[in-house]
Amino acid sequence: MTARRSSIGDELASARLDLVQRMEEARQTVEAVLSGLPRGAGEEAEALPGPLDPGTLPRREVEHLLHRHLDRFKQMVFNGGDSVELAVSGRRLKKVSRRLHEVSERFSSLARPIEALAGELSRHRPGHPESSYGRAAIALHVLGEWDAARPDAPSLESMAAIVDPLLEGLRRDGRLRLGLFVCCPVDFTHASGPEPERYLGLDMHGSVLSRLAPRLRSLFGDLERAGVELELRTIIGDTDEDDYIWRASPAPAGLDRAALDRRRDALVEVVAEYMAEPVGRAERPPRPRVIAREHNRAFRLSAIPVSARARAIYDAVLEAPQACFDERDVEAELDIMRGLWVPGGYYQGLPPPDPETLRRIVIHKLATYAMQGVVLHEQEPALLLVQCERPSGLREKMLNAGLRRLGLPPLSMVSYFELE
């Protein structure tokens, strides 16, 4: 198995930890020397700073320890016939000084591009608290490194679409707000049984999310290790059947809607628990499968009220799909949907639709995504969507179709998959 490449979040977290440790080591060394000097011969070492902001090097404090104290002490010890014996040996002073210098250089090299991007953000997006720019810059680096649809190095130009919602979330309460759609676990062989509502599963193991979990965990963990506070909105997409499958073909006979609603409610807790479930080797500290419970708020899409404006978008796409989508989009989605009825496919257990019915399903699906994009914008305009469906380009177009029609800005996204 190939070892995972260290991310900017991992590297910054490691360098920041080393820097804090070396600054503490230097401070204790300085205090030991000062305590052994005659009264009035030296000054107190400055206290260490509090938690370091991501991407910010405490240059003044490092310079103070290195040049005002450690270098001076070394000159006192290594001064020929005028050498002074201190409470700490010259060899120890050299070692402590070298360690602090090396780790500050390492941290500075990592922080330099982040500080440059923070400066760009400050110039091009004025009006936000100064601390927001450094945090936004490190978040952009982590997100840009993860985003498969953006192969270039993170920059203000390449990440322009996500800058404003990112800064807005940080301005509001210091947090990056992320959104994630989760597909429901399903088994449609139950649809023809005595309890059709049991097609909606309550076990996430083996689900679509289970296959995405490792890389999602990497993103959220990298952000956390880089010092970026985040809040995830996990949106359980439980309306597909009502919004497009059963609009074109009949729902199962005997479907108990109240029982289905109870299962939908139960699934919210199942998903949240699954995402927070500890995983990893026994000898290592446990980590959440996807994200810690305190950073995640799961809810079902079917519980969000749909505005008249969003519903009008749904109806408009049904009436004139060509106004938002071209025939290539329809054909691409038809190819995807055909594959979901094969043995082992997502819709195994439902009767395969004929070509005309499948086309109606696809048109309703395009309308559904256009409507959902508007609903998402209305719920949380500053949300950054972690888009995990493929093909990435088509899904992005589908979710933004309604917003474009309304003249609203598109949803901000980072993509799990490369553009196709």
Protein backbone atom coordinates (compact mmCIF):
# COMPACT_ATOMS: atom_id res chain seq x y z
CA MET A 1 0.00 0.00 0.00
CA THR A 2 1.37 3.44 -0.96
CA ALA A 3 1.80 5.80 1.97
CA ARG A 4 -0.40 8.90 1.83
CA ARG A 5 1.48 12.01 0.78
CA SER A 6 1.71 14.63 3.49
CA SER A 7 -0.67 17.52 2.86
CA ILE A 8 -0.07 21.19 3.56
CA GLY A 9 -2.33 20.75 6.59
CA ASP A 10 -0.20 17.91 7.96
CA GLU A 11 3.04 19.76 7.27
CA LEU A 12 1.88 23.00 8.87
CA ALA A 13 0.51 21.19 11.91
CA SER A 14 3.78 19.31 12.38
CA ALA A 15 5.92 22.42 11.88
CA ARG A 16 3.72 24.49 14.19
CA LEU A 17 3.96 21.84 16.94
CA ASP A 18 7.75 21.69 16.55
CA LEU A 19 7.96 25.48 16.64
CA VAL A 20 5.95 25.72 19.85
CA GLN A 21 8.12 23.02 21.45
CA ARG A 22 11.39 24.68 20.37
CA MET A 23 10.21 28.09 21.54
CA GLU A 24 9.35 26.61 24.92
CA GLU A 25 12.76 24.89 25.06
CA ALA A 26 14.47 28.20 24.22
CA ARG A 27 12.45 30.13 26.78
CA GLN A 28 13.33 27.67 29.54
CA THR A 29 17.00 27.87 28.54
CA VAL A 30 16.92 31.68 28.61
CA GLU A 31 15.21 31.67 32.01
CA ALA A 32 17.82 29.27 33.38
CA VAL A 33 20.64 31.57 32.25
CA LEU A 34 18.96 34.73 33.50
CA SER A 35 18.26 33.20 36.90
CA GLY A 36 22.00 32.59 37.34
CA LEU A 37 23.09 36.10 36.39
CA PRO A 38 23.63 38.83 38.98
CA ARG A 39 20.56 40.93 39.68
CA GLY A 40 20.08 43.56 36.98
CA ALA A 41 22.42 41.89 34.50
CA GLY A 42 19.66 40.64 32.20
CA GLU A 43 16.00 41.00 31.35
CA GLU A 44 13.14 38.60 31.73
CA ALA A 45 12.38 36.42 28.72
CA GLU A 46 9.14 37.38 27.06
CA ALA A 47 6.27 34.98 27.59
CA LEU A 48 5.42 32.65 24.74
CA PRO A 49 2.58 33.71 22.46
CA GLY A 50 -0.78 31.98 22.62
CA PRO A 51 -1.93 29.48 19.96
CA LEU A 52 -0.34 30.34 16.63
CA ASP A 53 -2.61 31.44 13.82
CA PRO A 54 -2.42 29.10 10.81
CA GLY A 55 0.28 30.21 8.42
CA THR A 56 1.57 32.99 10.69
CA LEU A 57 5.15 32.89 11.94
CA PRO A 58 5.68 34.67 15.33
CA ARG A 59 8.80 36.36 13.98
CA ARG A 60 9.13 38.92 16.76
CA GLU A 61 9.08 36.28 19.49
CA VAL A 62 11.52 34.02 17.63
CA GLU A 63 13.88 36.94 16.95
CA HIS A 64 13.66 37.94 20.60
CA LEU A 65 14.70 34.49 21.81
CA LEU A 66 17.35 33.92 19.16
CA HIS A 67 19.11 37.25 18.84
CA ARG A 68 18.34 39.17 21.98
CA HIS A 69 19.14 36.26 24.27
CA LEU A 70 20.62 33.06 22.83
CA ASP A 71 23.10 34.78 20.49
CA ARG A 72 24.17 37.14 23.27
CA PHE A 73 24.67 34.26 25.68
CA LYS A 74 26.79 32.39 23.12
CA GLN A 75 28.98 35.48 22.70
CA MET A 76 29.44 35.63 26.45
CA VAL A 77 30.49 31.96 26.60
CA PHE A 78 32.66 31.90 23.47
CA ASN A 79 34.61 35.13 24.03
CA GLY A 80 38.20 33.97 24.43
CA GLY A 81 39.82 35.18 27.61
CA ASP A 82 36.72 37.17 28.55
CA SER A 83 34.44 34.12 28.49
CA VAL A 84 31.75 33.93 31.16
CA GLU A 85 30.49 30.71 32.71
CA LEU A 86 26.72 30.58 32.62
CA ALA A 87 24.14 28.25 34.16
CA VAL A 88 23.76 26.59 30.73
CA SER A 89 26.75 25.25 28.80
CA GLY A 90 27.85 26.77 25.51
CA ARG A 91 27.21 23.45 23.80
CA ARG A 92 23.64 23.43 25.06
CA LEU A 93 23.12 27.04 23.97
CA LYS A 94 24.30 26.18 20.47
CA LYS A 95 21.99 23.18 20.26
CA VAL A 96 18.92 25.07 21.46
CA SER A 97 19.67 28.00 19.15
CA ARG A 98 20.19 25.73 16.13
CA ARG A 99 16.97 23.80 16.77
CA LEU A 100 14.87 26.96 17.06
CA HIS A 101 16.45 28.47 13.95
CA GLU A 102 15.87 25.33 11.86
CA VAL A 103 12.24 24.86 12.81
CA SER A 104 11.46 28.57 12.36
CA GLU A 105 12.98 28.38 8.86
CA ARG A 106 10.90 25.29 8.07
CA PHE A 107 7.70 26.91 9.32
CA SER A 108 8.51 30.14 7.50
CA SER A 109 9.01 28.31 4.17
CA LEU A 110 5.56 26.70 4.56
CA ALA A 111 3.93 29.93 5.69
CA ARG A 112 5.43 32.13 2.96
CA PRO A 113 2.96 31.21 0.14
CA ILE A 114 0.10 31.33 2.61
CA GLU A 115 1.09 34.79 3.80
CA ALA A 116 1.39 35.92 0.16
CA LEU A 117 -2.13 34.65 -0.60
CA ALA A 118 -3.43 36.30 2.59
CA GLY A 119 -1.97 39.59 1.37
CA GLU A 120 -3.72 39.18 -1.98
CA LEU A 121 -7.01 38.47 -0.23
CA SER A 122 -6.59 41.57 1.93
CA ARG A 123 -5.98 43.76 -1.11
CA HIS A 124 -8.69 42.31 -3.34
CA ARG A 125 -11.33 41.56 -0.68
CA PRO A 126 -11.01 44.44 1.82
CA GLY A 127 -13.31 44.93 4.77
CA HIS A 128 -12.86 41.65 6.63
CA PRO A 129 -11.10 41.21 10.00
CA GLU A 130 -7.34 40.94 9.47
CA SER A 131 -7.22 37.52 11.14
CA SER A 132 -9.66 36.14 8.56
CA TYR A 133 -7.20 36.51 5.70
CA GLY A 134 -4.57 34.17 7.14
CA ARG A 135 -7.16 31.56 8.00
CA ALA A 136 -8.81 31.89 4.59
CA ALA A 137 -5.43 31.51 2.87
CA ILE A 138 -4.56 28.24 4.64
CA ALA A 139 -8.10 26.94 4.01
CA LEU A 140 -7.73 27.76 0.30
CA HIS A 141 -4.43 25.89 0.15
CA VAL A 142 -5.92 22.79 1.81
CA LEU A 143 -9.07 22.91 -0.33
CA GLY A 144 -7.13 23.57 -3.53
CA GLU A 145 -4.78 20.69 -2.82
CA TRP A 146 -7.77 18.34 -2.31
CA ASP A 147 -9.99 19.59 -5.16
CA ALA A 148 -9.59 17.14 -8.05
CA ALA A 149 -11.22 19.56 -10.49
CA ARG A 150 -8.51 22.19 -9.89
CA PRO A 151 -5.11 20.65 -10.70
CA ASP A 152 -3.25 23.97 -10.56
CA ALA A 153 -1.60 25.39 -7.45
CA PRO A 154 -4.08 27.34 -5.26
CA SER A 155 -4.28 31.03 -6.15
CA LEU A 156 -6.77 33.85 -5.82
CA GLU A 157 -7.60 33.50 -9.51
CA SER A 158 -8.06 29.71 -9.54
CA MET A 159 -10.08 29.68 -6.28
CA ALA A 160 -12.06 32.89 -6.90
CA ALA A 161 -15.42 31.07 -6.84
CA ILE A 162 -15.00 29.96 -3.23
CA VAL A 163 -13.24 33.00 -1.75
CA ASP A 164 -16.30 35.07 -0.87
CA PRO A 165 -18.31 32.35 0.94
CA LEU A 166 -15.15 31.33 2.76
CA LEU A 167 -14.43 34.86 3.99
CA GLU A 168 -18.10 35.39 4.87
CA GLY A 169 -18.16 32.26 7.05
CA LEU A 170 -14.94 33.28 8.79
CA ARG A 171 -16.25 36.80 9.32
CA ARG A 172 -19.47 35.49 10.84
CA ASP A 173 -18.05 33.21 13.50
CA GLY A 174 -14.56 32.13 12.45
CA ARG A 175 -15.75 28.88 10.82
CA LEU A 176 -15.65 27.44 7.33
CA ARG A 177 -19.10 26.13 6.42
CA LEU A 178 -19.11 23.05 4.22
CA GLY A 179 -21.99 21.10 2.71
CA LEU A 180 -22.07 17.44 1.69
CA PHE A 181 -24.87 15.53 -0.06
CA VAL A 182 -25.10 11.88 1.06
CA CYS A 183 -26.90 9.20 -0.94
CA CYS A 184 -29.27 7.00 1.02
CA PRO A 185 -28.54 3.28 1.46
CA VAL A 186 -31.22 1.44 -0.50
CA ASP A 187 -32.35 -2.05 -1.34
CA PHE A 188 -35.22 -1.91 -3.83
CA THR A 189 -35.85 -5.65 -3.64
CA HIS A 190 -38.04 -4.65 -0.67
CA ALA A 191 -40.16 -2.42 -2.93
CA SER A 192 -42.22 -5.40 -4.08
CA GLY A 193 -42.46 -6.96 -0.60
CA PRO A 194 -45.01 -6.57 2.21
CA GLU A 195 -43.21 -3.49 3.62
CA PRO A 196 -42.05 -1.46 0.60
CA GLU A 197 -40.79 1.39 2.78
CA ARG A 198 -37.95 -0.88 3.88
CA TYR A 199 -36.26 -0.13 0.54
CA LEU A 200 -34.72 2.77 2.50
CA GLY A 201 -31.88 1.17 4.44
CA LEU A 202 -30.60 2.04 7.91
CA ASP A 203 -27.06 0.69 7.60
CA MET A 204 -24.34 2.81 5.99
CA HIS A 205 -21.74 0.04 5.71
CA GLY A 206 -21.27 -0.75 2.03
CA SER A 207 -23.04 2.47 1.02
CA VAL A 208 -21.83 5.09 -1.45
CA LEU A 209 -20.58 7.16 1.51
CA SER A 210 -18.48 4.24 2.76
CA ARG A 211 -16.47 4.35 -0.48
CA LEU A 212 -15.95 8.10 -0.23
CA ALA A 213 -15.14 8.18 3.49
CA PRO A 214 -11.30 7.91 3.44
CA ARG A 215 -10.75 10.87 1.14
CA LEU A 216 -13.42 12.96 2.86
CA ARG A 217 -11.76 12.21 6.20
CA SER A 218 -8.51 13.40 4.69
CA LEU A 219 -10.04 16.76 3.72
CA PHE A 220 -11.74 17.45 7.04
CA GLY A 221 -8.73 16.20 9.00
CA ASP A 222 -6.30 18.33 6.99
CA LEU A 223 -8.40 21.44 7.64
CA GLU A 224 -8.57 20.66 11.34
CA ARG A 225 -4.83 19.98 11.63
CA ALA A 226 -4.11 23.24 9.81
CA GLY A 227 -6.12 25.08 12.46
CA VAL A 228 -9.21 25.85 10.34
CA GLU A 229 -12.44 25.56 12.31
CA LEU A 230 -15.23 24.06 10.26
CA GLU A 231 -18.87 23.10 10.41
CA LEU A 232 -20.25 20.47 8.05
CA ARG A 233 -23.89 20.35 6.93
CA THR A 234 -24.57 16.76 5.86
CA ILE A 235 -27.63 16.73 3.60
CA ILE A 236 -29.21 13.29 3.22
CA GLY A 237 -30.65 13.13 -0.29
CA ASP A 238 -33.86 11.23 0.48
CA THR A 239 -36.11 12.85 -2.14
CA ASP A 240 -34.82 11.22 -5.35
CA GLU A 241 -37.66 8.74 -5.65
CA ASP A 242 -40.37 11.33 -5.01
CA ASP A 243 -38.76 14.00 -7.20
CA TYR A 244 -37.90 11.98 -10.29
CA ILE A 245 -38.14 8.17 -10.12
CA TRP A 246 -41.79 7.95 -9.14
CA ARG A 247 -42.76 11.00 -11.17
CA ALA A 248 -42.24 8.93 -14.30
CA SER A 249 -43.11 5.44 -13.03
CA PRO A 250 -45.51 4.43 -10.26
CA ALA A 251 -44.41 4.16 -6.63
CA PRO A 252 -44.61 0.68 -5.04
CA ALA A 253 -48.13 -0.43 -4.18
CA GLY A 254 -48.80 -0.36 -0.47
CA LEU A 255 -45.99 2.11 0.33
CA ASP A 256 -46.62 3.34 3.90
CA ARG A 257 -45.66 7.02 3.75
CA ALA A 258 -45.74 7.50 7.52
CA ALA A 259 -43.45 4.49 8.04
CA LEU A 260 -41.13 5.79 5.32
CA ASP A 261 -40.96 9.15 7.06
CA ARG A 262 -40.00 7.46 10.34
CA ARG A 263 -37.20 5.61 8.56
CA ARG A 264 -36.03 8.89 7.05
CA ASP A 265 -35.88 10.41 10.53
CA ALA A 266 -33.97 7.41 11.87
CA LEU A 267 -31.50 7.58 8.99
CA VAL A 268 -30.36 11.05 10.08
CA GLU A 269 -28.97 9.64 13.33
CA VAL A 270 -27.56 6.58 11.56
CA VAL A 271 -25.59 8.77 9.15
CA ALA A 272 -24.28 11.10 11.86
CA GLU A 273 -23.15 8.16 14.01
CA TYR A 274 -21.55 6.39 11.06
CA MET A 275 -19.57 9.47 10.09
CA ALA A 276 -18.27 9.91 13.64
CA GLU A 277 -17.56 6.22 14.28
CA PRO A 278 -13.94 5.70 15.44
CA VAL A 279 -11.72 3.92 12.95
CA GLY A 280 -8.03 3.12 12.66
CA ARG A 281 -5.50 0.73 14.01
CA ALA A 282 -5.67 -0.28 17.64
CA GLU A 283 -2.19 1.07 18.41
CA ARG A 284 -3.09 4.56 17.15
CA PRO A 285 -5.48 7.13 18.64
CA PRO A 286 -8.96 6.59 17.16
CA ARG A 287 -10.16 9.03 14.53
CA PRO A 288 -13.66 9.59 13.17
CA ARG A 289 -14.60 7.70 10.03
CA VAL A 290 -15.40 11.00 8.31
CA ILE A 291 -15.76 13.86 10.80
CA ALA A 292 -16.27 14.35 14.54
CA ARG A 293 -19.87 14.62 15.68
CA GLU A 294 -19.44 18.11 17.15
CA HIS A 295 -18.46 19.48 13.72
CA ASN A 296 -21.31 17.83 11.81
CA ARG A 297 -25.01 18.61 11.56
CA ALA A 298 -26.93 16.00 9.57
CA PHE A 299 -30.45 16.54 8.27
CA ARG A 300 -32.70 15.12 5.58
CA LEU A 301 -33.38 17.00 2.39
CA SER A 302 -37.06 16.09 2.55
CA ALA A 303 -37.41 18.15 5.75
CA ILE A 304 -36.32 21.40 4.07
CA PRO A 305 -39.26 23.46 2.83
CA VAL A 306 -39.13 24.20 -0.89
CA SER A 307 -39.86 27.85 -1.70
CA ALA A 308 -42.23 28.90 -4.47
CA ARG A 309 -39.20 30.25 -6.36
CA ALA A 310 -37.38 26.90 -6.19
CA ARG A 311 -40.52 24.97 -7.16
CA ALA A 312 -40.99 27.32 -10.13
CA ILE A 313 -37.50 26.38 -11.34
CA TYR A 314 -38.44 22.69 -11.17
CA ASP A 315 -41.55 23.32 -13.24
CA ALA A 316 -39.68 25.52 -15.73
CA VAL A 317 -37.07 22.85 -16.45
CA LEU A 318 -39.79 20.24 -16.97
CA GLU A 319 -41.56 22.55 -19.38
CA ALA A 320 -38.48 23.59 -21.38
CA PRO A 321 -35.40 21.55 -20.41
CA GLN A 322 -33.54 22.81 -23.49
CA ALA A 323 -33.48 26.30 -21.96
CA CYS A 324 -31.04 25.06 -19.31
CA PHE A 325 -29.53 21.87 -20.75
CA ASP A 326 -28.48 20.70 -24.18
CA GLU A 327 -29.06 17.25 -25.65
CA ARG A 328 -25.53 16.14 -24.70
CA ASP A 329 -26.38 16.67 -21.05
CA VAL A 330 -29.51 14.56 -21.41
CA GLU A 331 -27.65 11.79 -23.23
CA ALA A 332 -24.86 11.77 -20.63
CA GLU A 333 -27.39 11.39 -17.83
CA LEU A 334 -29.28 8.69 -19.74
CA ASP A 335 -26.04 6.67 -19.96
CA ILE A 336 -25.51 7.01 -16.21
CA MET A 337 -29.07 6.06 -15.31
CA ARG A 338 -29.10 2.99 -17.56
CA GLY A 339 -26.19 1.63 -15.54
CA LEU A 340 -28.14 1.92 -12.27
CA TRP A 341 -30.60 -0.82 -13.27
CA VAL A 342 -28.00 -3.51 -14.03
CA PRO A 343 -27.54 -6.42 -11.57
CA GLY A 344 -25.91 -4.99 -8.47
CA GLY A 345 -26.85 -1.46 -9.52
CA TYR A 346 -28.41 1.19 -7.28
CA TYR A 347 -31.97 0.55 -8.55
CA GLN A 348 -31.79 -3.24 -8.70
CA GLY A 349 -35.21 -4.50 -7.62
CA LEU A 350 -37.20 -1.86 -9.51
CA PRO A 351 -38.58 -2.76 -12.95
CA PRO A 352 -36.22 -1.39 -15.65
CA PRO A 353 -37.89 1.57 -17.37
CA ASP A 354 -38.46 1.62 -21.11
CA PRO A 355 -36.54 4.29 -23.11
CA GLU A 356 -39.39 6.80 -23.05
CA THR A 357 -39.90 6.43 -19.29
CA LEU A 358 -36.16 6.66 -18.63
CA ARG A 359 -35.99 9.91 -20.57
CA ARG A 360 -38.84 11.33 -18.46
CA ILE A 361 -36.97 10.25 -15.33
CA VAL A 362 -33.82 12.03 -16.54
CA ILE A 363 -35.67 15.27 -17.33
CA HIS A 364 -37.21 15.18 -13.85
CA LYS A 365 -33.75 14.54 -12.40
CA LEU A 366 -32.32 17.59 -14.17
CA ALA A 367 -35.24 19.64 -12.81
CA THR A 368 -34.67 18.23 -9.33
CA TYR A 369 -31.00 19.22 -9.20
CA ALA A 370 -31.77 22.70 -10.53
CA MET A 371 -34.38 23.10 -7.78
CA GLN A 372 -32.01 21.74 -5.11
CA GLY A 373 -29.34 24.26 -6.05
CA VAL A 374 -31.80 27.08 -5.38
CA VAL A 375 -32.92 25.48 -2.10
CA LEU A 376 -29.30 25.16 -0.96
CA HIS A 377 -28.57 28.79 -1.85
CA GLU A 378 -31.62 29.96 0.08
CA GLN A 379 -30.70 27.90 3.13
CA GLU A 380 -27.02 28.93 3.35
CA PRO A 381 -25.58 31.33 0.73
CA ALA A 382 -22.07 31.09 2.27
CA LEU A 383 -21.96 27.28 2.06
CA LEU A 384 -19.08 25.59 0.24
CA LEU A 385 -20.31 22.33 -1.26
CA VAL A 386 -18.05 19.27 -1.26
CA GLN A 387 -19.31 17.77 -4.51
CA CYS A 388 -18.89 13.97 -4.59
CA GLU A 389 -20.93 12.91 -7.62
CA ARG A 390 -19.65 12.26 -11.10
CA PRO A 391 -19.41 13.45 -13.75
CA SER A 392 -18.31 16.53 -11.81
CA GLY A 393 -18.87 19.05 -14.60
CA LEU A 394 -22.40 17.90 -15.36
CA ARG A 395 -23.38 17.76 -11.68
CA GLU A 396 -22.09 21.29 -11.18
CA LYS A 397 -24.11 22.45 -14.19
CA MET A 398 -27.23 20.71 -12.93
CA LEU A 399 -27.03 22.22 -9.44
CA ASN A 400 -26.38 25.72 -10.79
CA ALA A 401 -28.91 25.69 -13.64
CA GLY A 402 -31.71 27.20 -11.56
CA LEU A 403 -29.45 29.82 -10.01
CA ARG A 404 -28.22 30.89 -13.45
CA ARG A 405 -31.83 31.20 -14.64
CA LEU A 406 -32.58 33.44 -11.64
CA GLY A 407 -29.44 35.54 -12.15
CA LEU A 408 -27.97 34.41 -8.82
CA PRO A 409 -24.32 33.49 -8.20
CA PRO A 410 -23.48 29.79 -8.60
CA LEU A 411 -22.89 27.47 -5.67
CA SER A 412 -19.28 27.36 -4.52
CA MET A 413 -17.84 23.84 -4.80
CA VAL A 414 -14.78 21.68 -4.47
CA SER A 415 -14.87 18.35 -6.28
CA TYR A 416 -14.04 14.83 -5.18
CA PHE A 417 -13.59 13.74 -8.80
CA GLU A 418 -11.70 15.22 -11.72
CA LEU A 419 -13.63 16.99 -14.42
CA GLU A 420 -14.71 14.63 -17.21
